Amino acid sequence: MTDNKKARHGIKNSHGCVLKSSAGFTMVEMMMVLAIISIAFGTIYKSFEHLNRSTTTENVKAGIQQRVRIAVDFMVQDIRLAGLNPLGTPDIGFKENLPDKIQFTMDANFDGDDDDTFEDITYELNSADGTLVQTNHLGPEVLVDNVSNLNFTYLDIDEQTTMDRSEIRSVIISLTMSRPAGRDGEISRTYTTQVRCRNL
């Protein structure tokens, strides 16, 4: 058998097995391998991108939820003390009760007036820049940004809506925050709670 025939048909070794010659890969085989590798890498990349986007969205959701809760809890602690007046000083209680603004006073240090530290407090939505602003004796301070909605609902002793300041016994606070989350667009979270004014 000639060398060409051996290369084409293979040769038998001492055990009778046909040995093929290693002439390398053909161009078609190389193209197929490259195509398979490209598909595999494409699938891996898409999975990674989806996981990354999902993680970003969940992180934004968790961050918003936490900030909304903290802001509302901050307001709840103060509103509970609205009208605290152990010495019976006149005109202590609610000063303003709008849907997006609340102002109230208290006599927290029992000295008979309401113009001391943290005794005259206002919470309001600055719709121009989407911030929740607290105002006290130190002046205005931004508590949280990215606020898309703030709503106060005022209830009387029978849990009926009222705008009469003298009848307010509890307040429903609803705060909505929104933040961009990459390709998933904007994520919004709303937290609503009711707080009883213990001193009214």
Protein backbone atom coordinates (compact mmCIF):
# COMPACT_ATOMS: atom_id res chain seq x y z
CA MET A 1 0.00 0.00 0.00
CA THR A 2 1.35 3.41 -0.92
CA ASP A 3 1.70 6.32 1.51
CA ASN A 4 -1.30 8.11 -0.08
CA LYS A 5 -3.50 5.08 0.39
CA LYS A 6 -2.33 4.71 3.99
CA ALA A 7 -3.25 8.34 4.65
CA ARG A 8 -6.68 7.91 3.08
CA HIS A 9 -7.66 4.53 4.50
CA GLY A 10 -5.55 4.36 7.62
CA ILE A 11 -3.24 1.52 8.52
CA LYS A 12 -3.66 -1.42 10.84
CA ASN A 13 -1.56 -1.71 13.92
CA SER A 14 -0.38 -4.99 15.46
CA HIS A 15 -3.78 -5.53 17.13
CA GLY A 16 -5.70 -5.12 13.91
CA CYS A 17 -7.17 -1.66 14.74
CA VAL A 18 -7.30 0.87 11.94
CA LEU A 19 -5.37 4.04 12.79
CA LYS A 20 -6.62 7.22 11.12
CA SER A 21 -4.17 9.84 10.12
CA SER A 22 -4.42 13.25 11.85
CA ALA A 23 -4.67 15.62 8.96
CA GLY A 24 -6.21 18.52 11.16
CA PHE A 25 -9.60 20.26 11.14
CA THR A 26 -11.37 21.31 8.01
CA MET A 27 -12.63 24.87 7.58
CA VAL A 28 -16.25 23.71 7.97
CA GLU A 29 -15.43 22.02 11.29
CA MET A 30 -13.71 25.17 12.55
CA MET A 31 -16.70 27.32 11.57
CA MET A 32 -19.07 24.95 13.37
CA VAL A 33 -16.96 25.05 16.54
CA LEU A 34 -16.84 28.85 16.43
CA ALA A 35 -20.60 29.02 15.92
CA ILE A 36 -21.23 26.73 18.93
CA ILE A 37 -18.84 28.77 21.12
CA SER A 38 -20.53 32.02 20.02
CA ILE A 39 -23.98 30.66 20.91
CA ALA A 40 -22.73 29.43 24.30
CA PHE A 41 -21.10 32.77 25.15
CA GLY A 42 -24.18 34.66 23.96
CA THR A 43 -26.40 32.60 26.26
CA ILE A 44 -24.04 33.09 29.22
CA TYR A 45 -23.88 36.85 28.60
CA LYS A 46 -27.66 37.19 28.39
CA SER A 47 -28.09 35.22 31.62
CA PHE A 48 -25.51 37.39 33.37
CA GLU A 49 -27.11 40.59 32.07
CA HIS A 50 -30.56 39.46 33.24
CA LEU A 51 -29.21 38.52 36.68
CA ASN A 52 -27.38 41.84 36.98
CA ARG A 53 -30.49 43.81 35.99
CA SER A 54 -32.64 41.82 38.40
CA THR A 55 -30.16 42.44 41.24
CA THR A 56 -30.10 46.19 40.50
CA THR A 57 -33.90 46.35 40.52
CA GLU A 58 -34.18 44.44 43.79
CA ASN A 59 -31.54 46.64 45.43
CA VAL A 60 -33.43 49.78 44.36
CA LYS A 61 -36.71 48.32 45.67
CA ALA A 62 -35.16 47.44 49.03
CA GLY A 63 -33.49 50.84 49.31
CA ILE A 64 -36.70 52.75 48.58
CA GLN A 65 -38.74 50.59 50.96
CA GLN A 66 -36.29 51.21 53.78
CA ARG A 67 -36.11 54.98 53.20
CA VAL A 68 -39.92 55.29 53.00
CA ARG A 69 -40.31 53.41 56.30
CA ILE A 70 -37.68 55.51 58.07
CA ALA A 71 -39.26 58.79 56.88
CA VAL A 72 -42.77 57.72 57.93
CA ASP A 73 -41.55 56.43 61.31
CA PHE A 74 -39.86 59.78 61.86
CA MET A 75 -43.17 61.59 61.28
CA VAL A 76 -45.13 59.11 63.40
CA GLN A 77 -42.94 59.70 66.46
CA ASP A 78 -43.49 63.46 66.27
CA ILE A 79 -47.20 63.43 65.37
CA ARG A 80 -47.91 61.17 68.37
CA LEU A 81 -46.76 64.05 70.59
CA ALA A 82 -48.85 66.71 68.85
CA GLY A 83 -50.80 68.68 71.43
CA LEU A 84 -48.76 67.51 74.43
CA ASN A 85 -49.74 70.16 76.96
CA PRO A 86 -49.37 69.19 80.64
CA LEU A 87 -49.73 72.79 81.88
CA GLY A 88 -52.81 73.62 79.79
CA THR A 89 -51.13 76.32 77.69
CA PRO A 90 -53.55 77.80 75.13
CA ASP A 91 -53.25 77.18 71.37
CA ILE A 92 -51.08 74.07 71.52
CA GLY A 93 -51.98 71.42 68.93
CA PHE A 94 -52.45 71.50 65.18
CA LYS A 95 -51.60 74.75 63.41
CA GLU A 96 -51.96 73.61 59.81
CA ASN A 97 -53.58 70.50 58.35
CA LEU A 98 -53.31 70.37 54.57
CA PRO A 99 -53.18 67.24 52.38
CA ASP A 100 -49.42 67.66 51.80
CA LYS A 101 -48.44 69.72 54.86
CA ILE A 102 -48.87 69.33 58.60
CA GLN A 103 -47.81 71.70 61.39
CA PHE A 104 -48.30 71.09 65.10
CA THR A 105 -46.96 72.22 68.46
CA MET A 106 -46.35 70.62 71.84
CA ASP A 107 -44.94 71.50 75.25
CA ALA A 108 -42.33 68.75 75.38
CA ASN A 109 -40.31 70.22 78.27
CA PHE A 110 -43.33 71.24 80.40
CA ASP A 111 -42.40 74.93 80.65
CA GLY A 112 -45.71 76.38 79.53
CA ASP A 113 -44.82 77.45 75.98
CA ASP A 114 -44.28 75.85 72.57
CA ASP A 115 -41.34 77.76 71.13
CA ASP A 116 -38.49 75.62 72.46
CA THR A 117 -36.43 72.86 70.86
CA PHE A 118 -38.54 70.58 68.63
CA GLU A 119 -41.85 71.97 69.97
CA ASP A 120 -43.12 73.52 66.72
CA ILE A 121 -42.74 71.05 63.84
CA THR A 122 -43.81 71.11 60.21
CA TYR A 123 -43.66 68.33 57.61
CA GLU A 124 -44.39 69.16 53.99
CA LEU A 125 -43.77 68.05 50.43
CA ASN A 126 -41.68 70.38 48.30
CA SER A 127 -43.14 69.38 44.95
CA ALA A 128 -40.61 71.52 43.03
CA ASP A 129 -37.73 69.19 43.86
CA GLY A 130 -39.58 66.14 45.27
CA THR A 131 -38.31 66.38 48.84
CA LEU A 132 -39.89 65.75 52.23
CA VAL A 133 -38.96 68.73 54.39
CA GLN A 134 -39.07 68.96 58.19
CA THR A 135 -39.03 72.44 59.73
CA ASN A 136 -38.33 73.02 63.44
CA HIS A 137 -36.39 75.52 65.57
CA LEU A 138 -33.27 74.77 63.46
CA GLY A 139 -35.03 75.70 60.22
CA PRO A 140 -35.97 73.53 57.21
CA GLU A 141 -34.17 70.23 56.65
CA VAL A 142 -34.63 67.69 53.84
CA LEU A 143 -35.42 64.25 55.28
CA VAL A 144 -35.69 62.28 52.01
CA ASP A 145 -35.69 63.06 48.30
CA ASN A 146 -37.33 61.35 45.31
CA VAL A 147 -40.75 61.82 46.94
CA SER A 148 -43.51 61.66 44.35
CA ASN A 149 -46.46 61.90 46.75
CA LEU A 150 -47.15 62.84 50.37
CA ASN A 151 -50.68 62.77 51.72
CA PHE A 152 -52.10 63.41 55.19
CA THR A 153 -55.67 62.39 56.01
CA TYR A 154 -57.11 63.72 59.27
CA LEU A 155 -59.61 61.69 61.30
CA ASP A 156 -61.88 62.57 64.22
CA ILE A 157 -62.69 60.42 67.25
CA ASP A 158 -65.13 58.35 65.14
CA GLU A 159 -62.49 57.70 62.43
CA GLN A 160 -64.30 60.06 60.05
CA THR A 161 -62.38 62.47 57.82
CA THR A 162 -62.25 66.00 59.20
CA MET A 163 -60.51 69.27 58.42
CA ASP A 164 -61.49 70.88 61.74
CA ARG A 165 -58.25 71.09 63.73
CA SER A 166 -60.01 70.84 67.06
CA GLU A 167 -61.54 67.47 66.04
CA ILE A 168 -58.34 65.75 64.81
CA ARG A 169 -57.52 62.64 66.83
CA SER A 170 -55.46 60.62 64.36
CA VAL A 171 -53.63 61.09 61.06
CA ILE A 172 -53.14 58.72 58.14
CA ILE A 173 -49.76 59.26 56.51
CA SER A 174 -49.13 58.04 52.96
CA LEU A 175 -45.68 58.55 51.44
CA THR A 176 -44.59 57.47 47.94
CA MET A 177 -41.01 57.47 46.71
CA SER A 178 -39.75 56.75 43.19
CA ARG A 179 -36.27 56.04 41.85
CA PRO A 180 -34.88 54.97 38.47
CA ALA A 181 -33.77 51.33 38.25
CA GLY A 182 -31.84 51.11 34.98
CA ARG A 183 -33.61 49.44 32.08
CA ASP A 184 -36.56 48.47 34.28
CA GLY A 185 -37.58 52.12 34.41
CA GLU A 186 -38.77 53.77 37.61
CA ILE A 187 -39.56 51.86 40.79
CA SER A 188 -42.13 53.30 43.22
CA ARG A 189 -42.98 52.28 46.76
CA THR A 190 -45.80 53.61 48.96
CA TYR A 191 -46.00 53.23 52.71
CA THR A 192 -49.18 54.11 54.57
CA THR A 193 -49.83 54.08 58.29
CA GLN A 194 -52.21 55.59 60.81
CA VAL A 195 -50.95 57.40 63.90
CA ARG A 196 -53.07 58.27 66.92
CA CYS A 197 -52.43 61.64 68.52
CA ARG A 198 -52.17 60.55 72.16
CA ASN A 199 -52.47 64.03 73.63
CA LEU A 200 -55.59 65.25 71.82
